[in-house]
N, C-alpha and C. Protein backbone atom coordinates (compact mmCIF):
# COMPACT_ATOMS: atom_id res chain seq x y z
N MET A 1 0.72 -1.28 -0.18
CA MET A 1 -0.01 -0.06 0.12
C MET A 1 0.81 1.18 0.14
N ILE A 2 2.09 1.16 0.87
CA ILE A 2 2.85 2.36 0.80
C ILE A 2 3.49 2.62 -0.61
N LYS A 3 3.89 1.63 -1.33
CA LYS A 3 4.47 1.65 -2.65
C LYS A 3 3.28 2.37 -3.62
N PHE A 4 2.12 2.04 -3.30
CA PHE A 4 1.04 2.59 -4.22
C PHE A 4 1.03 3.99 -3.96
N PHE A 5 0.83 4.51 -2.82
CA PHE A 5 0.89 6.34 -2.55
C PHE A 5 2.21 6.80 -2.96
N ARG A 6 3.42 5.94 -2.64
CA ARG A 6 4.68 6.68 -3.17
C ARG A 6 4.63 6.94 -4.51
N HIS A 7 4.16 6.13 -5.08
CA HIS A 7 4.08 6.23 -6.85
C HIS A 7 3.20 7.47 -7.20
N PHE A 8 2.16 7.71 -6.53
CA PHE A 8 1.44 9.23 -6.66
C PHE A 8 2.38 10.16 -6.41
N ARG A 9 3.01 10.41 -5.45
CA ARG A 9 3.78 11.34 -4.85
C ARG A 9 5.00 11.62 -5.78
N GLN A 10 5.60 10.61 -6.12
CA GLN A 10 6.67 10.75 -7.07
C GLN A 10 6.39 11.19 -8.43
N ARG A 11 5.28 10.83 -9.06
CA ARG A 11 4.80 11.01 -10.07
C ARG A 11 4.35 12.57 -10.07
N TYR A 12 3.60 12.94 -9.17
CA TYR A 12 3.24 14.62 -9.02
C TYR A 12 4.39 15.21 -9.07
N ILE A 13 5.48 15.05 -8.28
CA ILE A 13 6.76 15.77 -8.12
C ILE A 13 7.42 15.95 -9.34
N SER A 14 7.65 14.99 -9.89
CA SER A 14 8.21 14.70 -11.09
C SER A 14 7.71 15.17 -12.39
N GLU A 15 6.40 15.43 -12.36
CA GLU A 15 5.78 16.07 -13.49
C GLU A 15 5.34 17.51 -13.28
N GLY A 16 5.99 18.05 -12.01
CA GLY A 16 5.73 19.45 -11.75
C GLY A 16 4.30 19.76 -11.53
N LYS A 17 3.52 18.72 -10.90
CA LYS A 17 2.00 19.03 -10.48
C LYS A 17 2.22 19.24 -9.24
N THR A 18 2.72 20.44 -8.84
CA THR A 18 2.67 20.57 -7.28
C THR A 18 1.25 20.77 -6.69
N THR A 19 0.22 21.31 -7.51
CA THR A 19 -1.02 21.69 -6.74
C THR A 19 -1.65 20.51 -6.41
N LYS A 20 -1.45 19.30 -7.48
CA LYS A 20 -2.13 18.07 -7.15
C LYS A 20 -1.51 17.40 -5.83
N TYR A 21 -0.23 17.59 -5.82
CA TYR A 21 0.65 17.04 -4.79
C TYR A 21 0.18 17.78 -3.39
N PHE A 22 0.04 18.98 -3.32
CA PHE A 22 -0.68 19.27 -2.11
C PHE A 22 -1.70 19.17 -1.70
N LYS A 23 -2.78 18.89 -2.98
CA LYS A 23 -4.14 18.45 -2.55
C LYS A 23 -4.18 16.91 -1.73
N TYR A 24 -3.17 16.34 -2.22
CA TYR A 24 -2.91 14.78 -1.88
C TYR A 24 -2.65 14.86 -0.59
N ALA A 25 -1.41 15.81 -0.34
CA ALA A 25 -0.83 15.88 1.10
C ALA A 25 -2.05 16.25 2.07
N ILE A 26 -2.65 17.16 1.42
CA ILE A 26 -3.81 17.78 2.60
C ILE A 26 -4.91 16.85 2.68
N GLY A 27 -5.33 16.18 1.68
CA GLY A 27 -6.28 15.22 1.80
C GLY A 27 -5.73 13.91 3.08
N GLU A 28 -4.45 13.46 2.87
CA GLU A 28 -3.91 12.62 3.61
C GLU A 28 -4.03 13.04 5.14
N ILE A 29 -3.54 14.30 5.27
CA ILE A 29 -3.55 14.73 6.77
C ILE A 29 -5.14 14.92 7.28
N ILE A 30 -5.90 15.26 6.49
CA ILE A 30 -7.30 15.20 6.97
C ILE A 30 -7.76 13.99 7.36
N LEU A 31 -7.35 12.88 6.57
CA LEU A 31 -8.00 11.63 6.92
C LEU A 31 -7.25 11.02 8.16
N VAL A 32 -5.93 11.41 8.47
CA VAL A 32 -5.26 10.85 9.57
C VAL A 32 -5.95 11.60 10.94
N MET A 33 -6.15 12.95 10.74
CA MET A 33 -7.08 13.65 11.85
C MET A 33 -8.13 13.11 11.92
N VAL A 34 -9.12 12.84 11.19
CA VAL A 34 -10.51 12.24 11.35
C VAL A 34 -10.20 10.81 12.11
N GLY A 35 -9.59 9.89 11.75
CA GLY A 35 -8.95 8.72 12.41
C GLY A 35 -8.73 9.08 13.83
N ILE A 36 -7.98 9.92 14.18
CA ILE A 36 -7.65 10.27 15.45
C ILE A 36 -8.63 10.92 16.33
N LEU A 37 -9.47 11.55 15.58
CA LEU A 37 -10.95 12.16 16.48
C LEU A 37 -11.60 11.05 16.64
N PHE A 38 -12.03 10.14 15.77
CA PHE A 38 -12.77 8.93 15.84
C PHE A 38 -12.24 8.12 16.90
N ASP A 39 -11.01 7.93 16.89
CA ASP A 39 -10.26 6.85 18.13
C ASP A 39 -10.57 7.72 19.40
N ALA A 40 -10.59 8.79 19.59
CA ALA A 40 -10.57 9.53 20.68
C ALA A 40 -12.07 9.61 21.46
N ALA A 41 -12.94 9.73 20.36
CA ALA A 41 -14.45 9.65 20.81
C ALA A 41 -14.79 8.34 20.98
N SER A 42 -14.37 7.28 20.53
CA SER A 42 -14.78 6.02 20.72
C SER A 42 -14.07 5.72 22.23
N LYS A 43 -12.75 6.01 22.50
CA LYS A 43 -12.36 5.86 23.92
C LYS A 43 -13.13 6.45 25.05
N GLN A 44 -13.66 7.76 24.53
CA GLN A 44 -14.40 8.48 25.70
C GLN A 44 -15.65 7.87 25.88
N LEU A 45 -16.32 7.37 24.95
CA LEU A 45 -17.62 6.49 25.03
C LEU A 45 -17.40 5.42 25.90
N GLU A 46 -16.29 4.63 25.48
CA GLU A 46 -16.09 3.66 26.27
C GLU A 46 -16.07 3.90 27.86
N GLN A 47 -15.26 4.78 27.93
CA GLN A 47 -15.02 5.16 29.37
C GLN A 47 -16.30 5.42 30.20
N GLN A 48 -17.23 6.19 29.39
CA GLN A 48 -18.41 6.48 29.96
C GLN A 48 -19.27 5.29 30.47
N GLN A 49 -19.16 4.38 29.50
CA GLN A 49 -20.05 3.16 29.67
C GLN A 49 -19.36 2.18 30.71
N SER A 50 -18.26 2.55 31.07
CA SER A 50 -17.56 1.40 31.83
C SER A 50 -17.87 1.94 33.19
N ARG A 51 -18.13 3.41 33.73
CA ARG A 51 -18.22 3.87 34.99
C ARG A 51 -19.52 3.13 35.42
N PRO A 52 -19.85 2.78 36.85
CA PRO A 52 -21.05 2.25 37.33
C PRO A 52 -22.00 3.75 37.50
N LYS A 53 -23.15 3.24 37.01
CA LYS A 53 -24.22 4.41 37.29
C LYS A 53 -24.53 4.30 38.92
N PRO A 54 -24.79 5.67 39.34
CA PRO A 54 -25.12 5.80 40.61
C PRO A 54 -26.60 5.28 40.89
N ARG A 55 -26.92 4.55 41.73
CA ARG A 55 -28.18 4.02 42.24
C ARG A 55 -29.05 5.21 43.08
N ALA A 56 -30.27 5.16 42.58
CA ALA A 56 -31.19 5.94 43.57
C ALA A 56 -31.23 5.54 45.12
N LYS A 57 -31.08 6.02 45.86
CA LYS A 57 -31.52 5.65 47.43
C LYS A 57 -32.97 5.45 47.54
N ILE A 58 -33.29 4.50 48.12
CA ILE A 58 -34.68 4.21 48.55
C ILE A 58 -34.89 4.55 49.93
N PRO A 59 -35.54 5.49 50.30
CA PRO A 59 -35.79 5.80 51.76
C PRO A 59 -36.58 4.85 52.63
């Protein structure tokens, strides 16, 4: 998979298509950020579900 993406990067740089390369790079950064945020949200949800809920006291 890495070779596949490396091919795109090298081709864009060698052909002088820097705008396409920057679009590719920004897209890759956004995908990584979304993955990190998704992981953080899932961990937070897991922590909230693992806490015991307080029981109501019966007088």
